[in-house]
């Protein structure tokens, strides 16, 4: 009995994130996740490339936005700060650069923010102090630098905080108590 040969193929393509996704007004989760570089897996395909379209900021009902593990470039659009219902934002493992937009501090329902394994630079945004529901903040493997502002201590729900060594936590009693309340902290303390 002859069997037909089994042909296996994986599509390997790259494309831009379509700006038309911003027209999907009732969308609650946008999962365009790629390879999970944070777990050491190699990039298997080019995946998504180019900028994150600012039109995604029109998705008023969005609760989860997962665009990790691709080759997205450019800056994070400040329009993402308009996603007032967003609870999870995963942008890790991309080639994003520039400053973290302070508009992300308007995402007051945000519980998880992953910006690690990117080329983001600059200081820790003071506006992040308004993210009082944030439980997980991943900023490791970036080019960010400087001391955290005192506003960071208002993020009292934090249970996991990962910082690149060039971002440091100041040494004083307020920051000491804040770091003590974080279950999993990876980072450095500033030299006074």
C-alpha atoms as a PDB file:
ATOM      1  CA  UNK A   1       0.000   0.000   0.000  1.00  0.00           C
ATOM      2  CA  UNK A   2       1.497   3.269  -1.095  1.00  0.00           C
ATOM      3  CA  UNK A   3       1.194   6.262   1.144  1.00  0.00           C
ATOM      4  CA  UNK A   4       1.323   9.819  -0.006  1.00  0.00           C
ATOM      5  CA  UNK A   5       4.321  11.628   1.369  1.00  0.00           C
ATOM      6  CA  UNK A   6       3.521  13.935   4.230  1.00  0.00           C
ATOM      7  CA  UNK A   7       4.486  17.464   3.344  1.00  0.00           C
ATOM      8  CA  UNK A   8       5.045  19.801   6.240  1.00  0.00           C
ATOM      9  CA  UNK A   9       5.443  23.455   5.747  1.00  0.00           C
ATOM     10  CA  UNK A  10       5.511  26.473   8.004  1.00  0.00           C
ATOM     11  CA  UNK A  11       4.663  29.767   6.501  1.00  0.00           C
ATOM     12  CA  UNK A  12       7.512  32.193   6.859  1.00  0.00           C
ATOM     13  CA  UNK A  13       6.514  35.721   6.105  1.00  0.00           C
ATOM     14  CA  UNK A  14       6.866  39.165   7.485  1.00  0.00           C
ATOM     15  CA  UNK A  15       4.341  41.944   7.415  1.00  0.00           C
ATOM     16  CA  UNK A  16       3.320  45.216   8.975  1.00  0.00           C
ATOM     17  CA  UNK A  17       0.702  45.488  11.691  1.00  0.00           C
ATOM     18  CA  UNK A  18      -2.366  46.612   9.728  1.00  0.00           C
ATOM     19  CA  UNK A  19      -3.559  50.058  10.875  1.00  0.00           C
ATOM     20  CA  UNK A  20      -7.106  48.923  10.000  1.00  0.00           C
ATOM     21  CA  UNK A  21      -7.084  46.864  13.208  1.00  0.00           C
ATOM     22  CA  UNK A  22      -7.817  50.168  14.934  1.00  0.00           C
ATOM     23  CA  UNK A  23     -11.306  50.063  13.382  1.00  0.00           C
ATOM     24  CA  UNK A  24     -12.305  46.926  15.330  1.00  0.00           C
ATOM     25  CA  UNK A  25     -14.116  48.919  18.025  1.00  0.00           C
ATOM     26  CA  UNK A  26     -15.376  45.910  20.039  1.00  0.00           C
ATOM     27  CA  UNK A  27     -12.066  44.041  20.123  1.00  0.00           C
ATOM     28  CA  UNK A  28     -11.085  42.999  23.661  1.00  0.00           C
ATOM     29  CA  UNK A  29      -7.823  41.125  23.023  1.00  0.00           C
ATOM     30  CA  UNK A  30      -5.333  41.565  20.196  1.00  0.00           C
ATOM     31  CA  UNK A  31      -2.892  38.662  20.332  1.00  0.00           C
ATOM     32  CA  UNK A  32      -0.258  38.886  17.594  1.00  0.00           C
ATOM     33  CA  UNK A  33       2.438  37.303  19.743  1.00  0.00           C
ATOM     34  CA  UNK A  34       5.554  35.965  18.063  1.00  0.00           C
ATOM     35  CA  UNK A  35       8.499  34.000  19.428  1.00  0.00           C
ATOM     36  CA  UNK A  36       8.972  34.184  23.161  1.00  0.00           C
ATOM     37  CA  UNK A  37      12.498  35.576  23.338  1.00  0.00           C
ATOM     38  CA  UNK A  38      12.223  36.130  27.069  1.00  0.00           C
ATOM     39  CA  UNK A  39      12.319  32.361  27.536  1.00  0.00           C
ATOM     40  CA  UNK A  40      15.363  31.929  25.318  1.00  0.00           C
ATOM     41  CA  UNK A  41      13.565  30.563  22.298  1.00  0.00           C
ATOM     42  CA  UNK A  42      15.102  31.519  18.960  1.00  0.00           C
ATOM     43  CA  UNK A  43      13.172  33.657  16.505  1.00  0.00           C
ATOM     44  CA  UNK A  44      11.643  31.140  14.112  1.00  0.00           C
ATOM     45  CA  UNK A  45      10.323  33.540  11.519  1.00  0.00           C
ATOM     46  CA  UNK A  46      10.580  37.239  10.702  1.00  0.00           C
ATOM     47  CA  UNK A  47       7.016  37.882  11.868  1.00  0.00           C
ATOM     48  CA  UNK A  48       5.783  41.437  12.231  1.00  0.00           C
ATOM     49  CA  UNK A  49       8.039  44.347  11.382  1.00  0.00           C
ATOM     50  CA  UNK A  50       7.804  48.104  11.078  1.00  0.00           C
ATOM     51  CA  UNK A  51       6.125  50.510  13.488  1.00  0.00           C
ATOM     52  CA  UNK A  52       3.213  49.952  15.818  1.00  0.00           C
ATOM     53  CA  UNK A  53       0.339  51.807  14.160  1.00  0.00           C
ATOM     54  CA  UNK A  54      -1.007  54.691  16.274  1.00  0.00           C
ATOM     55  CA  UNK A  55      -4.496  53.667  15.104  1.00  0.00           C
ATOM     56  CA  UNK A  56      -4.408  50.883  17.715  1.00  0.00           C
ATOM     57  CA  UNK A  57      -5.017  53.666  20.246  1.00  0.00           C
ATOM     58  CA  UNK A  58      -8.649  53.797  19.031  1.00  0.00           C
ATOM     59  CA  UNK A  59      -9.437  50.329  20.478  1.00  0.00           C
ATOM     60  CA  UNK A  60     -11.367  51.668  23.476  1.00  0.00           C
ATOM     61  CA  UNK A  61     -12.528  48.227  24.676  1.00  0.00           C
ATOM     62  CA  UNK A  62      -9.142  46.525  24.403  1.00  0.00           C
ATOM     63  CA  UNK A  63      -8.018  44.717  27.569  1.00  0.00           C
ATOM     64  CA  UNK A  64      -4.993  42.821  26.245  1.00  0.00           C
ATOM     65  CA  UNK A  65      -2.428  43.805  23.606  1.00  0.00           C
ATOM     66  CA  UNK A  66       0.274  41.223  22.893  1.00  0.00           C
ATOM     67  CA  UNK A  67       2.797  42.184  20.219  1.00  0.00           C
ATOM     68  CA  UNK A  68       5.887  40.521  21.676  1.00  0.00           C
ATOM     69  CA  UNK A  69       8.656  38.600  19.944  1.00  0.00           C
ATOM     70  CA  UNK A  70       8.752  40.316  16.554  1.00  0.00           C
ATOM     71  CA  UNK A  71      10.883  42.897  14.770  1.00  0.00           C
ATOM     72  CA  UNK A  72       8.709  45.918  15.432  1.00  0.00           C
ATOM     73  CA  UNK A  73      10.683  49.155  15.191  1.00  0.00           C
ATOM     74  CA  UNK A  74      10.287  52.822  16.000  1.00  0.00           C
ATOM     75  CA  UNK A  75       8.767  54.397  19.056  1.00  0.00           C
ATOM     76  CA  UNK A  76       5.807  53.274  21.106  1.00  0.00           C
ATOM     77  CA  UNK A  77       2.929  55.436  19.871  1.00  0.00           C
ATOM     78  CA  UNK A  78       1.663  57.771  22.620  1.00  0.00           C
ATOM     79  CA  UNK A  79      -1.857  57.006  21.354  1.00  0.00           C
ATOM     80  CA  UNK A  80      -1.648  53.668  23.201  1.00  0.00           C
ATOM     81  CA  UNK A  81      -2.237  55.778  26.313  1.00  0.00           C
ATOM     82  CA  UNK A  82      -5.848  56.140  25.125  1.00  0.00           C
ATOM     83  CA  UNK A  83      -6.554  52.422  25.767  1.00  0.00           C
ATOM     84  CA  UNK A  84      -8.388  53.147  29.014  1.00  0.00           C
ATOM     85  CA  UNK A  85      -9.497  49.522  29.584  1.00  0.00           C
ATOM     86  CA  UNK A  86      -6.117  47.928  28.895  1.00  0.00           C
ATOM     87  CA  UNK A  87      -4.962  45.461  31.550  1.00  0.00           C
ATOM     88  CA  UNK A  88      -2.002  43.816  29.782  1.00  0.00           C
ATOM     89  CA  UNK A  89       0.525  45.318  27.371  1.00  0.00           C
ATOM     90  CA  UNK A  90       3.314  43.019  26.165  1.00  0.00           C
ATOM     91  CA  UNK A  91       5.804  44.615  23.742  1.00  0.00           C
ATOM     92  CA  UNK A  92       8.929  42.725  24.831  1.00  0.00           C
ATOM     93  CA  UNK A  93      11.386  41.202  22.377  1.00  0.00           C
ATOM     94  CA  UNK A  94      11.074  43.879  19.675  1.00  0.00           C
ATOM     95  CA  UNK A  95      13.422  46.509  18.269  1.00  0.00           C
ATOM     96  CA  UNK A  96      11.413  49.413  19.684  1.00  0.00           C
ATOM     97  CA  UNK A  97      13.484  52.516  20.458  1.00  0.00           C
ATOM     98  CA  UNK A  98      13.177  56.013  21.874  1.00  0.00           C
ATOM     99  CA  UNK A  99      11.628  57.107  25.137  1.00  0.00           C
ATOM    100  CA  UNK A 100       8.775  55.330  26.866  1.00  0.00           C
ATOM    101  CA  UNK A 101       5.832  57.685  26.273  1.00  0.00           C
ATOM    102  CA  UNK A 102       4.515  59.211  29.513  1.00  0.00           C
ATOM    103  CA  UNK A 103       0.999  58.738  28.088  1.00  0.00           C
ATOM    104  CA  UNK A 104       1.243  55.075  29.146  1.00  0.00           C
ATOM    105  CA  UNK A 105       0.780  56.423  32.679  1.00  0.00           C
ATOM    106  CA  UNK A 106      -2.880  57.034  31.764  1.00  0.00           C
ATOM    107  CA  UNK A 107      -3.482  53.255  31.572  1.00  0.00           C
ATOM    108  CA  UNK A 108      -4.825  53.164  35.126  1.00  0.00           C
ATOM    109  CA  UNK A 109      -6.317  49.650  34.760  1.00  0.00           C
ATOM    110  CA  UNK A 110      -2.988  48.193  33.608  1.00  0.00           C
ATOM    111  CA  UNK A 111      -1.877  45.127  35.595  1.00  0.00           C
ATOM    112  CA  UNK A 112       1.058  43.891  33.489  1.00  0.00           C
ATOM    113  CA  UNK A 113       3.536  45.875  31.372  1.00  0.00           C
ATOM    114  CA  UNK A 114       6.412  44.143  29.575  1.00  0.00           C
ATOM    115  CA  UNK A 115       8.857  46.381  27.710  1.00  0.00           C
ATOM    116  CA  UNK A 116      11.965  44.240  28.300  1.00  0.00           C
ATOM    117  CA  UNK A 117      14.311  43.068  25.546  1.00  0.00           C
ATOM    118  CA  UNK A 118      13.861  46.268  23.521  1.00  0.00           C
ATOM    119  CA  UNK A 119      16.043  49.248  22.633  1.00  0.00           C
ATOM    120  CA  UNK A 120      13.969  51.737  24.638  1.00  0.00           C
ATOM    121  CA  UNK A 121      16.027  54.456  26.330  1.00  0.00           C
ATOM    122  CA  UNK A 122      15.726  57.410  28.662  1.00  0.00           C
ATOM    123  CA  UNK A 123      14.446  57.741  32.206  1.00  0.00           C
ATOM    124  CA  UNK A 124      11.665  55.935  34.023  1.00  0.00           C
ATOM    125  CA  UNK A 125       8.479  57.935  33.273  1.00  0.00           C
ATOM    126  CA  UNK A 126       7.217  59.781  36.342  1.00  0.00           C
ATOM    127  CA  UNK A 127       3.669  59.260  35.021  1.00  0.00           C
ATOM    128  CA  UNK A 128       4.025  55.538  35.805  1.00  0.00           C
ATOM    129  CA  UNK A 129       3.291  56.491  39.416  1.00  0.00           C
ATOM    130  CA  UNK A 130      -0.382  56.610  38.375  1.00  0.00           C
ATOM    131  CA  UNK A 131      -0.320  52.881  37.502  1.00  0.00           C
ATOM    132  CA  UNK A 132      -1.557  51.900  40.950  1.00  0.00           C
ATOM    133  CA  UNK A 133      -3.001  48.542  39.774  1.00  0.00           C
ATOM    134  CA  UNK A 134       0.215  47.460  38.056  1.00  0.00           C
ATOM    135  CA  UNK A 135       1.402  44.091  39.398  1.00  0.00           C
ATOM    136  CA  UNK A 136       4.171  43.197  36.904  1.00  0.00           C
ATOM    137  CA  UNK A 137       6.623  45.658  35.344  1.00  0.00           C
ATOM    138  CA  UNK A 138       9.429  44.304  33.164  1.00  0.00           C
ATOM    139  CA  UNK A 139      12.074  46.821  32.030  1.00  0.00           C
ATOM    140  CA  UNK A 140      15.150  44.568  31.913  1.00  0.00           C
ATOM    141  CA  UNK A 141      17.401  44.424  28.840  1.00  0.00           C
ATOM    142  CA  UNK A 142      16.642  47.976  27.700  1.00  0.00           C
ATOM    143  CA  UNK A 143      18.818  51.091  27.411  1.00  0.00           C
ATOM    144  CA  UNK A 144      16.850  53.009  30.035  1.00  0.00           C
ATOM    145  CA  UNK A 145      18.836  54.761  32.749  1.00  0.00           C
ATOM    146  CA  UNK A 146      18.720  56.967  35.814  1.00  0.00           C
ATOM    147  CA  UNK A 147      17.098  56.806  39.228  1.00  0.00           C
ATOM    148  CA  UNK A 148      13.431  55.976  39.641  1.00  0.00           C
ATOM    149  CA  UNK A 149      11.345  59.038  40.541  1.00  0.00           C
ATOM    150  CA  UNK A 150       9.614  59.157  43.926  1.00  0.00           C
ATOM    151  CA  UNK A 151       6.290  58.772  42.058  1.00  0.00           C
ATOM    152  CA  UNK A 152       7.236  55.123  41.422  1.00  0.00           C
ATOM    153  CA  UNK A 153       6.517  54.332  45.088  1.00  0.00           C
ATOM    154  CA  UNK A 154       2.804  54.970  44.404  1.00  0.00           C
ATOM    155  CA  UNK A 155       2.776  51.687  42.439  1.00  0.00           C
ATOM    156  CA  UNK A 156       1.875  49.754  45.581  1.00  0.00           C
ATOM    157  CA  UNK A 157       0.316  46.739  43.802  1.00  0.00           C
ATOM    158  CA  UNK A 158       3.673  45.753  42.233  1.00  0.00           C
ATOM    159  CA  UNK A 159       4.618  42.145  42.906  1.00  0.00           C
ATOM    160  CA  UNK A 160       7.250  41.742  40.161  1.00  0.00           C
ATOM    161  CA  UNK A 161       9.737  44.416  39.097  1.00  0.00           C
ATOM    162  CA  UNK A 162      12.625  43.782  36.734  1.00  0.00           C
ATOM    163  CA  UNK A 163      14.941  46.699  35.959  1.00  0.00           C
ATOM    164  CA  UNK A 164      17.981  47.030  33.741  1.00  0.00           C
ATOM    165  CA  UNK A 165      21.081  47.746  35.914  1.00  0.00           C
ATOM    166  CA  UNK A 166      21.303  51.337  34.602  1.00  0.00           C
ATOM    167  CA  UNK A 167      17.881  52.105  36.147  1.00  0.00           C
ATOM    168  CA  UNK A 168      18.335  52.280  39.895  1.00  0.00           C
ATOM    169  CA  UNK A 169      16.138  52.550  42.960  1.00  0.00           C
ATOM    170  CA  UNK A 170      17.162  55.397  45.307  1.00  0.00           C
ATOM    171  CA  UNK A 171      18.160  54.597  48.861  1.00  0.00           C
ATOM    172  CA  UNK A 172      15.870  56.147  51.445  1.00  0.00           C
ATOM    173  CA  UNK A 173      13.198  54.902  53.840  1.00  0.00           C
ATOM    174  CA  UNK A 174      10.313  55.433  51.377  1.00  0.00           C
ATOM    175  CA  UNK A 175      11.992  53.426  48.613  1.00  0.00           C
ATOM    176  CA  UNK A 176      13.252  50.834  51.115  1.00  0.00           C
ATOM    177  CA  UNK A 177       9.687  50.102  52.264  1.00  0.00           C
ATOM    178  CA  UNK A 178       8.436  50.047  48.674  1.00  0.00           C
ATOM    179  CA  UNK A 179      11.072  47.541  47.489  1.00  0.00           C
ATOM    180  CA  UNK A 180      10.413  45.413  50.579  1.00  0.00           C
ATOM    181  CA  UNK A 181       6.784  45.045  49.451  1.00  0.00           C
ATOM    182  CA  UNK A 182       7.756  43.697  46.020  1.00  0.00           C
ATOM    183  CA  UNK A 183       7.876  39.902  45.989  1.00  0.00           C
ATOM    184  CA  UNK A 184      10.254  39.527  43.017  1.00  0.00           C
ATOM    185  CA  UNK A 185      12.674  42.402  42.496  1.00  0.00           C
ATOM    186  CA  UNK A 186      15.558  42.354  40.029  1.00  0.00           C
ATOM    187  CA  UNK A 187      17.501  45.570  39.878  1.00  0.00           C
ATOM    188  CA  UNK A 188      20.050  47.751  41.575  1.00  0.00           C
ATOM    189  CA  UNK A 189      19.953  50.402  44.251  1.00  0.00           C
ATOM    190  CA  UNK A 190      21.448  53.806  43.469  1.00  0.00           C
ATOM    191  CA  UNK A 191      24.757  54.808  44.960  1.00  0.00           C
ATOM    192  CA  UNK A 192      24.118  57.900  47.065  1.00  0.00           C
END
